[in-house]
Amino acid sequence: MNYQAIDDLLLTKSQADMIVFQLNSFKETLYLTEGSLAEKADRYLPHSLKESLGEMPGSSQDVIGLIENVCSHVNSLPVLTMILPFEPTASSLKKIINWIEINVKRKILIKAVRCNLSEAAARVEFEGRQATL
């Protein structure tokens, strides 16, 4: 499966966690509720996520396999943690992510943490390395 459609939904670590939660919740409903797979997907998955997954496979087992593969992919994406003295805006995060995708050429999730300390520095952590700005 091409995960580009799923990756396009993700900007932050919290969004990735939400998608994994929604997929696992949907997986649990497969055997607990009545109706076809398409009806269950319409009822229990957000529209954007359902579109990103594409057409549902024919059997519940195939859907579970798809969900597990997508969750594994999402959980394997690297996370860039930014500890900032301010709360970044959505547009600021989008600009940072666009810069990363252009220059690093791979999908990286952002986890922005606001630090209430009065110092004006920011700290960035990625793959075990840290930098204070």
N, C-alpha and C. Protein backbone atom coordinates (compact mmCIF):
# COMPACT_ATOMS: atom_id res chain seq x y z
N MET A 1 0.85 -1.19 0.00
CA MET A 1 0.00 0.00 0.00
C MET A 1 0.89 1.24 0.00
N ASN A 2 0.46 2.24 -0.74
CA ASN A 2 1.13 3.53 -0.74
C ASN A 2 0.56 4.35 0.41
N TYR A 3 1.42 4.76 1.32
CA TYR A 3 0.97 5.47 2.51
C TYR A 3 0.92 6.98 2.33
N GLN A 4 1.14 7.48 1.11
CA GLN A 4 1.19 8.92 0.88
C GLN A 4 -0.11 9.60 1.30
N ALA A 5 -1.24 9.00 1.01
CA ALA A 5 -2.53 9.62 1.37
C ALA A 5 -2.67 9.72 2.89
N ILE A 6 -2.19 8.73 3.61
CA ILE A 6 -2.22 8.79 5.08
C ILE A 6 -1.23 9.84 5.56
N ASP A 7 -0.02 9.84 4.99
CA ASP A 7 1.00 10.83 5.39
C ASP A 7 0.51 12.25 5.19
N ASP A 8 -0.28 12.47 4.14
CA ASP A 8 -0.80 13.82 3.86
C ASP A 8 -1.74 14.32 4.97
N LEU A 9 -2.34 13.40 5.72
CA LEU A 9 -3.22 13.79 6.83
C LEU A 9 -2.44 14.21 8.07
N LEU A 10 -1.17 13.84 8.13
CA LEU A 10 -0.40 13.97 9.36
C LEU A 10 0.57 15.14 9.31
N LEU A 11 0.50 15.98 10.32
CA LEU A 11 1.49 17.03 10.52
C LEU A 11 2.17 16.87 11.88
N THR A 12 1.38 16.49 12.88
CA THR A 12 1.91 16.45 14.24
C THR A 12 1.79 15.04 14.83
N LYS A 13 2.56 14.82 15.87
CA LYS A 13 2.51 13.54 16.58
C LYS A 13 1.13 13.29 17.17
N SER A 14 0.47 14.34 17.65
CA SER A 14 -0.87 14.15 18.22
C SER A 14 -1.88 13.74 17.14
N GLN A 15 -1.73 14.25 15.92
CA GLN A 15 -2.61 13.81 14.84
C GLN A 15 -2.37 12.34 14.51
N ALA A 16 -1.11 11.93 14.52
CA ALA A 16 -0.77 10.53 14.26
C ALA A 16 -1.37 9.63 15.34
N ASP A 17 -1.24 10.06 16.59
CA ASP A 17 -1.82 9.27 17.69
C ASP A 17 -3.34 9.16 17.55
N MET A 18 -3.99 10.23 17.10
CA MET A 18 -5.44 10.22 16.93
C MET A 18 -5.84 9.26 15.80
N ILE A 19 -5.11 9.25 14.72
CA ILE A 19 -5.44 8.35 13.61
C ILE A 19 -5.26 6.90 14.03
N VAL A 20 -4.19 6.60 14.74
CA VAL A 20 -3.99 5.23 15.24
C VAL A 20 -5.13 4.84 16.18
N PHE A 21 -5.54 5.75 17.05
CA PHE A 21 -6.66 5.48 17.96
C PHE A 21 -7.95 5.23 17.17
N GLN A 22 -8.23 6.07 16.17
CA GLN A 22 -9.45 5.90 15.37
C GLN A 22 -9.44 4.57 14.62
N LEU A 23 -8.29 4.20 14.06
CA LEU A 23 -8.20 2.93 13.33
C LEU A 23 -8.37 1.74 14.27
N ASN A 24 -7.75 1.80 15.43
CA ASN A 24 -7.91 0.70 16.39
C ASN A 24 -9.34 0.61 16.91
N SER A 25 -9.99 1.75 17.10
CA SER A 25 -11.40 1.74 17.51
C SER A 25 -12.27 1.13 16.42
N PHE A 26 -11.98 1.47 15.18
CA PHE A 26 -12.73 0.90 14.05
C PHE A 26 -12.51 -0.61 13.99
N LYS A 27 -11.27 -1.04 14.19
CA LYS A 27 -10.96 -2.47 14.16
C LYS A 27 -11.79 -3.22 15.19
N GLU A 28 -11.96 -2.63 16.37
CA GLU A 28 -12.74 -3.28 17.42
C GLU A 28 -14.22 -3.40 17.06
N THR A 29 -14.73 -2.46 16.24
CA THR A 29 -16.15 -2.50 15.88
C THR A 29 -16.46 -3.52 14.80
N LEU A 30 -15.45 -4.03 14.12
CA LEU A 30 -15.72 -4.92 12.98
C LEU A 30 -16.56 -6.13 13.36
N TYR A 31 -16.28 -6.71 14.50
CA TYR A 31 -17.02 -7.91 14.90
C TYR A 31 -18.12 -7.61 15.91
N LEU A 32 -18.15 -6.40 16.44
CA LEU A 32 -19.10 -6.08 17.49
C LEU A 32 -20.37 -5.40 16.99
N THR A 33 -20.38 -4.98 15.74
CA THR A 33 -21.54 -4.27 15.22
C THR A 33 -22.07 -4.94 13.97
N GLU A 34 -23.33 -4.66 13.69
CA GLU A 34 -24.00 -5.22 12.51
C GLU A 34 -23.74 -4.31 11.30
N GLY A 35 -23.83 -4.90 10.11
CA GLY A 35 -23.72 -4.13 8.88
C GLY A 35 -22.52 -4.55 8.05
N SER A 36 -22.48 -4.04 6.83
CA SER A 36 -21.38 -4.36 5.93
C SER A 36 -20.15 -3.55 6.31
N LEU A 37 -19.02 -3.93 5.74
CA LEU A 37 -17.78 -3.19 6.01
C LEU A 37 -17.91 -1.73 5.57
N ALA A 38 -18.54 -1.50 4.44
CA ALA A 38 -18.72 -0.13 3.95
C ALA A 38 -19.58 0.69 4.91
N GLU A 39 -20.66 0.08 5.43
CA GLU A 39 -21.52 0.78 6.39
C GLU A 39 -20.76 1.09 7.67
N LYS A 40 -19.97 0.14 8.14
CA LYS A 40 -19.19 0.36 9.36
C LYS A 40 -18.16 1.45 9.15
N ALA A 41 -17.50 1.44 7.99
CA ALA A 41 -16.51 2.48 7.69
C ALA A 41 -17.18 3.85 7.64
N ASP A 42 -18.37 3.92 7.01
CA ASP A 42 -19.10 5.19 6.96
C ASP A 42 -19.47 5.69 8.35
N ARG A 43 -19.82 4.77 9.21
CA ARG A 43 -20.30 5.12 10.54
C ARG A 43 -19.16 5.44 11.52
N TYR A 44 -18.04 4.71 11.42
CA TYR A 44 -17.03 4.79 12.48
C TYR A 44 -15.71 5.45 12.09
N LEU A 45 -15.50 5.73 10.81
CA LEU A 45 -14.25 6.38 10.41
C LEU A 45 -14.51 7.81 9.93
N PRO A 46 -13.66 8.76 10.29
CA PRO A 46 -13.79 10.10 9.72
C PRO A 46 -13.66 10.03 8.20
N HIS A 47 -14.35 10.91 7.53
CA HIS A 47 -14.40 10.89 6.07
C HIS A 47 -13.00 10.98 5.45
N SER A 48 -12.16 11.88 5.94
CA SER A 48 -10.83 12.06 5.36
C SER A 48 -9.97 10.80 5.52
N LEU A 49 -10.10 10.14 6.65
CA LEU A 49 -9.34 8.91 6.89
C LEU A 49 -9.86 7.79 6.00
N LYS A 50 -11.17 7.69 5.87
CA LYS A 50 -11.76 6.67 5.01
C LYS A 50 -11.31 6.84 3.56
N GLU A 51 -11.28 8.10 3.09
CA GLU A 51 -10.82 8.37 1.73
C GLU A 51 -9.35 8.02 1.56
N SER A 52 -8.55 8.31 2.57
CA SER A 52 -7.11 8.04 2.49
C SER A 52 -6.82 6.54 2.45
N LEU A 53 -7.65 5.76 3.10
CA LEU A 53 -7.47 4.31 3.09
C LEU A 53 -7.85 3.70 1.76
N GLY A 54 -8.72 4.39 1.03
CA GLY A 54 -9.18 3.86 -0.26
C GLY A 54 -10.29 2.85 -0.06
N GLU A 55 -10.48 2.04 -1.08
CA GLU A 55 -11.54 1.04 -1.04
C GLU A 55 -11.21 -0.03 -0.01
N MET A 56 -12.20 -0.35 0.80
CA MET A 56 -12.01 -1.37 1.84
C MET A 56 -11.89 -2.75 1.20
N PRO A 57 -10.96 -3.57 1.73
CA PRO A 57 -10.86 -4.95 1.24
C PRO A 57 -12.16 -5.71 1.52
N GLY A 58 -12.30 -6.88 0.92
CA GLY A 58 -13.54 -7.63 0.98
C GLY A 58 -13.88 -8.26 2.31
N SER A 59 -12.89 -8.67 3.08
CA SER A 59 -13.20 -9.38 4.32
C SER A 59 -12.70 -8.60 5.53
N SER A 60 -13.27 -8.92 6.68
CA SER A 60 -12.86 -8.28 7.93
C SER A 60 -11.39 -8.56 8.23
N GLN A 61 -10.93 -9.77 7.94
CA GLN A 61 -9.53 -10.11 8.19
C GLN A 61 -8.60 -9.24 7.35
N ASP A 62 -8.98 -8.99 6.08
CA ASP A 62 -8.17 -8.13 5.21
C ASP A 62 -8.16 -6.69 5.72
N VAL A 63 -9.30 -6.23 6.23
CA VAL A 63 -9.38 -4.87 6.79
C VAL A 63 -8.50 -4.77 8.02
N ILE A 64 -8.53 -5.79 8.88
CA ILE A 64 -7.68 -5.79 10.07
C ILE A 64 -6.21 -5.75 9.66
N GLY A 65 -5.83 -6.51 8.65
CA GLY A 65 -4.45 -6.47 8.16
C GLY A 65 -4.07 -5.09 7.64
N LEU A 66 -4.97 -4.46 6.90
CA LEU A 66 -4.74 -3.11 6.39
C LEU A 66 -4.56 -2.13 7.54
N ILE A 67 -5.45 -2.20 8.52
CA ILE A 67 -5.37 -1.29 9.67
C ILE A 67 -4.06 -1.49 10.43
N GLU A 68 -3.67 -2.73 10.65
CA GLU A 68 -2.43 -3.00 11.36
C GLU A 68 -1.22 -2.48 10.59
N ASN A 69 -1.23 -2.60 9.26
CA ASN A 69 -0.13 -2.08 8.45
C ASN A 69 -0.07 -0.57 8.51
N VAL A 70 -1.22 0.08 8.42
CA VAL A 70 -1.25 1.55 8.48
C VAL A 70 -0.79 2.04 9.86
N CYS A 71 -1.28 1.41 10.92
CA CYS A 71 -0.88 1.81 12.28
C CYS A 71 0.62 1.61 12.47
N SER A 72 1.15 0.52 11.96
CA SER A 72 2.59 0.26 12.06
C SER A 72 3.37 1.34 11.32
N HIS A 73 2.91 1.70 10.13
CA HIS A 73 3.57 2.77 9.36
C HIS A 73 3.54 4.10 10.12
N VAL A 74 2.37 4.47 10.61
CA VAL A 74 2.22 5.75 11.31
C VAL A 74 3.10 5.77 12.56
N ASN A 75 3.11 4.68 13.31
CA ASN A 75 3.92 4.62 14.53
C ASN A 75 5.42 4.62 14.25
N SER A 76 5.82 4.25 13.02
CA SER A 76 7.25 4.21 12.69
C SER A 76 7.79 5.54 12.18
N LEU A 77 6.91 6.53 11.95
CA LEU A 77 7.38 7.82 11.45
C LEU A 77 8.22 8.52 12.52
N PRO A 78 9.36 9.10 12.12
CA PRO A 78 10.20 9.80 13.10
C PRO A 78 9.52 11.07 13.59
N VAL A 79 9.86 11.46 14.82
CA VAL A 79 9.25 12.63 15.47
C VAL A 79 10.33 13.65 15.79
N LEU A 80 10.09 14.88 15.40
CA LEU A 80 10.95 16.01 15.74
C LEU A 80 10.25 16.75 16.88
N THR A 81 10.88 16.76 18.06
CA THR A 81 10.30 17.42 19.22
C THR A 81 10.88 18.82 19.34
N MET A 82 10.01 19.79 19.44
CA MET A 82 10.43 21.18 19.63
C MET A 82 9.89 21.66 20.96
N ILE A 83 10.78 22.07 21.85
CA ILE A 83 10.37 22.62 23.14
C ILE A 83 10.55 24.13 23.02
N LEU A 84 9.43 24.84 23.02
CA LEU A 84 9.42 26.26 22.69
C LEU A 84 8.88 27.09 23.85
N PRO A 85 9.31 28.35 23.94
CA PRO A 85 8.78 29.22 24.99
C PRO A 85 7.44 29.87 24.59
N PHE A 86 6.85 29.41 23.49
CA PHE A 86 5.58 29.94 23.01
C PHE A 86 4.80 28.82 22.33
N GLU A 87 3.53 29.04 22.13
CA GLU A 87 2.67 28.06 21.45
C GLU A 87 2.70 28.37 19.95
N PRO A 88 3.25 27.49 19.12
CA PRO A 88 3.31 27.79 17.69
C PRO A 88 1.91 27.73 17.06
N THR A 89 1.70 28.57 16.07
CA THR A 89 0.42 28.57 15.36
C THR A 89 0.40 27.41 14.37
N ALA A 90 -0.78 27.07 13.90
CA ALA A 90 -0.93 26.00 12.91
C ALA A 90 -0.16 26.35 11.64
N SER A 91 -0.21 27.61 11.24
CA SER A 91 0.50 28.00 10.01
C SER A 91 2.01 27.91 10.21
N SER A 92 2.51 28.22 11.41
CA SER A 92 3.95 28.08 11.68
C SER A 92 4.37 26.62 11.60
N LEU A 93 3.57 25.73 12.19
CA LEU A 93 3.88 24.30 12.13
C LEU A 93 3.87 23.81 10.69
N LYS A 94 2.91 24.26 9.92
CA LYS A 94 2.82 23.86 8.51
C LYS A 94 4.06 24.31 7.74
N LYS A 95 4.52 25.53 7.98
CA LYS A 95 5.73 26.03 7.31
C LYS A 95 6.95 25.21 7.71
N ILE A 96 7.07 24.89 8.98
CA ILE A 96 8.20 24.08 9.45
C ILE A 96 8.17 22.70 8.79
N ILE A 97 7.00 22.10 8.75
CA ILE A 97 6.87 20.77 8.16
C ILE A 97 7.17 20.81 6.67
N ASN A 98 6.67 21.83 5.98
CA ASN A 98 6.97 21.96 4.54
C ASN A 98 8.46 22.10 4.30
N TRP A 99 9.14 22.90 5.15
CA TRP A 99 10.59 23.06 5.00
C TRP A 99 11.29 21.71 5.20
N ILE A 100 10.87 20.97 6.22
CA ILE A 100 11.48 19.67 6.50
C ILE A 100 11.29 18.73 5.32
N GLU A 101 10.08 18.66 4.79
CA GLU A 101 9.81 17.74 3.69
C GLU A 101 10.61 18.09 2.44
N ILE A 102 10.82 19.39 2.20
CA ILE A 102 11.60 19.81 1.04
C ILE A 102 13.08 19.52 1.25
N ASN A 103 13.59 19.81 2.43
CA ASN A 103 15.03 19.71 2.67
C ASN A 103 15.50 18.36 3.19
N VAL A 104 14.67 17.69 3.96
CA VAL A 104 15.06 16.38 4.50
C VAL A 104 14.57 15.26 3.59
N LYS A 105 13.52 15.53 2.84
CA LYS A 105 12.95 14.60 1.85
C LYS A 105 12.41 13.30 2.46
N ARG A 106 11.83 13.42 3.64
CA ARG A 106 11.11 12.29 4.22
C ARG A 106 10.07 12.83 5.18
N LYS A 107 9.10 12.02 5.48
CA LYS A 107 8.01 12.43 6.37
C LYS A 107 8.50 12.41 7.81
N ILE A 108 8.33 13.53 8.49
CA ILE A 108 8.69 13.66 9.89
C ILE A 108 7.51 14.34 10.60
N LEU A 109 7.10 13.78 11.73
CA LEU A 109 6.05 14.38 12.53
C LEU A 109 6.63 15.40 13.49
N ILE A 110 5.86 16.41 13.79
CA ILE A 110 6.28 17.45 14.72
C ILE A 110 5.54 17.27 16.05
N LYS A 111 6.30 17.36 17.12
CA LYS A 111 5.71 17.39 18.45
C LYS A 111 6.18 18.69 19.10
N ALA A 112 5.30 19.66 19.18
CA ALA A 112 5.64 20.96 19.77
C ALA A 112 5.16 20.97 21.21
N VAL A 113 6.09 21.29 22.12
CA VAL A 113 5.80 21.34 23.54
C VAL A 113 6.11 22.76 24.01
N ARG A 114 5.15 23.35 24.70
CA ARG A 114 5.36 24.69 25.23
C ARG A 114 6.00 24.58 26.60
N CYS A 115 7.10 25.31 26.77
CA CYS A 115 7.80 25.36 28.05
C CYS A 115 7.55 26.72 28.66
N ASN A 116 7.06 26.76 29.87
CA ASN A 116 6.70 28.02 30.51
C ASN A 116 7.87 28.74 31.17
N LEU A 117 9.07 28.27 30.97
CA LEU A 117 10.23 28.95 31.53
C LEU A 117 10.40 30.30 30.85
N SER A 118 10.96 31.23 31.55
CA SER A 118 11.09 32.59 31.03
C SER A 118 12.23 32.73 30.04
N GLU A 119 13.07 31.70 29.90
CA GLU A 119 14.17 31.82 28.95
C GLU A 119 13.63 31.86 27.52
N ALA A 120 14.33 32.56 26.66
CA ALA A 120 13.86 32.76 25.30
C ALA A 120 14.42 31.73 24.34
N ALA A 121 15.05 30.68 24.84
CA ALA A 121 15.64 29.67 23.98
C ALA A 121 14.62 28.59 23.65
N ALA A 122 14.92 27.87 22.60
CA ALA A 122 14.10 26.72 22.21
C ALA A 122 15.03 25.53 22.09
N ARG A 123 14.50 24.32 22.30
CA ARG A 123 15.29 23.11 22.16
C ARG A 123 14.61 22.21 21.15
N VAL A 124 15.42 21.62 20.29
CA VAL A 124 14.91 20.71 19.27
C VAL A 124 15.57 19.36 19.49
N GLU A 125 14.76 18.29 19.46
CA GLU A 125 15.27 16.94 19.63
C GLU A 125 14.82 16.10 18.45
N PHE A 126 15.77 15.34 17.88
CA PHE A 126 15.43 14.47 16.76
C PHE A 126 16.41 13.31 16.72
N GLU A 127 15.87 12.10 16.72
CA GLU A 127 16.65 10.87 16.63
C GLU A 127 17.83 10.85 17.61
N GLY A 128 17.56 11.23 18.87
CA GLY A 128 18.55 11.17 19.92
C GLY A 128 19.49 12.36 20.00
N ARG A 129 19.37 13.28 19.07
CA ARG A 129 20.23 14.47 19.10
C ARG A 129 19.43 15.66 19.58
N GLN A 130 20.11 16.62 20.21
CA GLN A 130 19.45 17.81 20.73
C GLN A 130 20.22 19.06 20.29
N ALA A 131 19.49 20.15 20.14
CA ALA A 131 20.11 21.44 19.88
C ALA A 131 19.30 22.50 20.60
N THR A 132 20.00 23.44 21.22
CA THR A 132 19.33 24.57 21.85
C THR A 132 19.55 25.78 20.98
N LEU A 133 18.47 26.46 20.68
CA LEU A 133 18.52 27.63 19.79
C LEU A 133 18.35 28.91 20.57
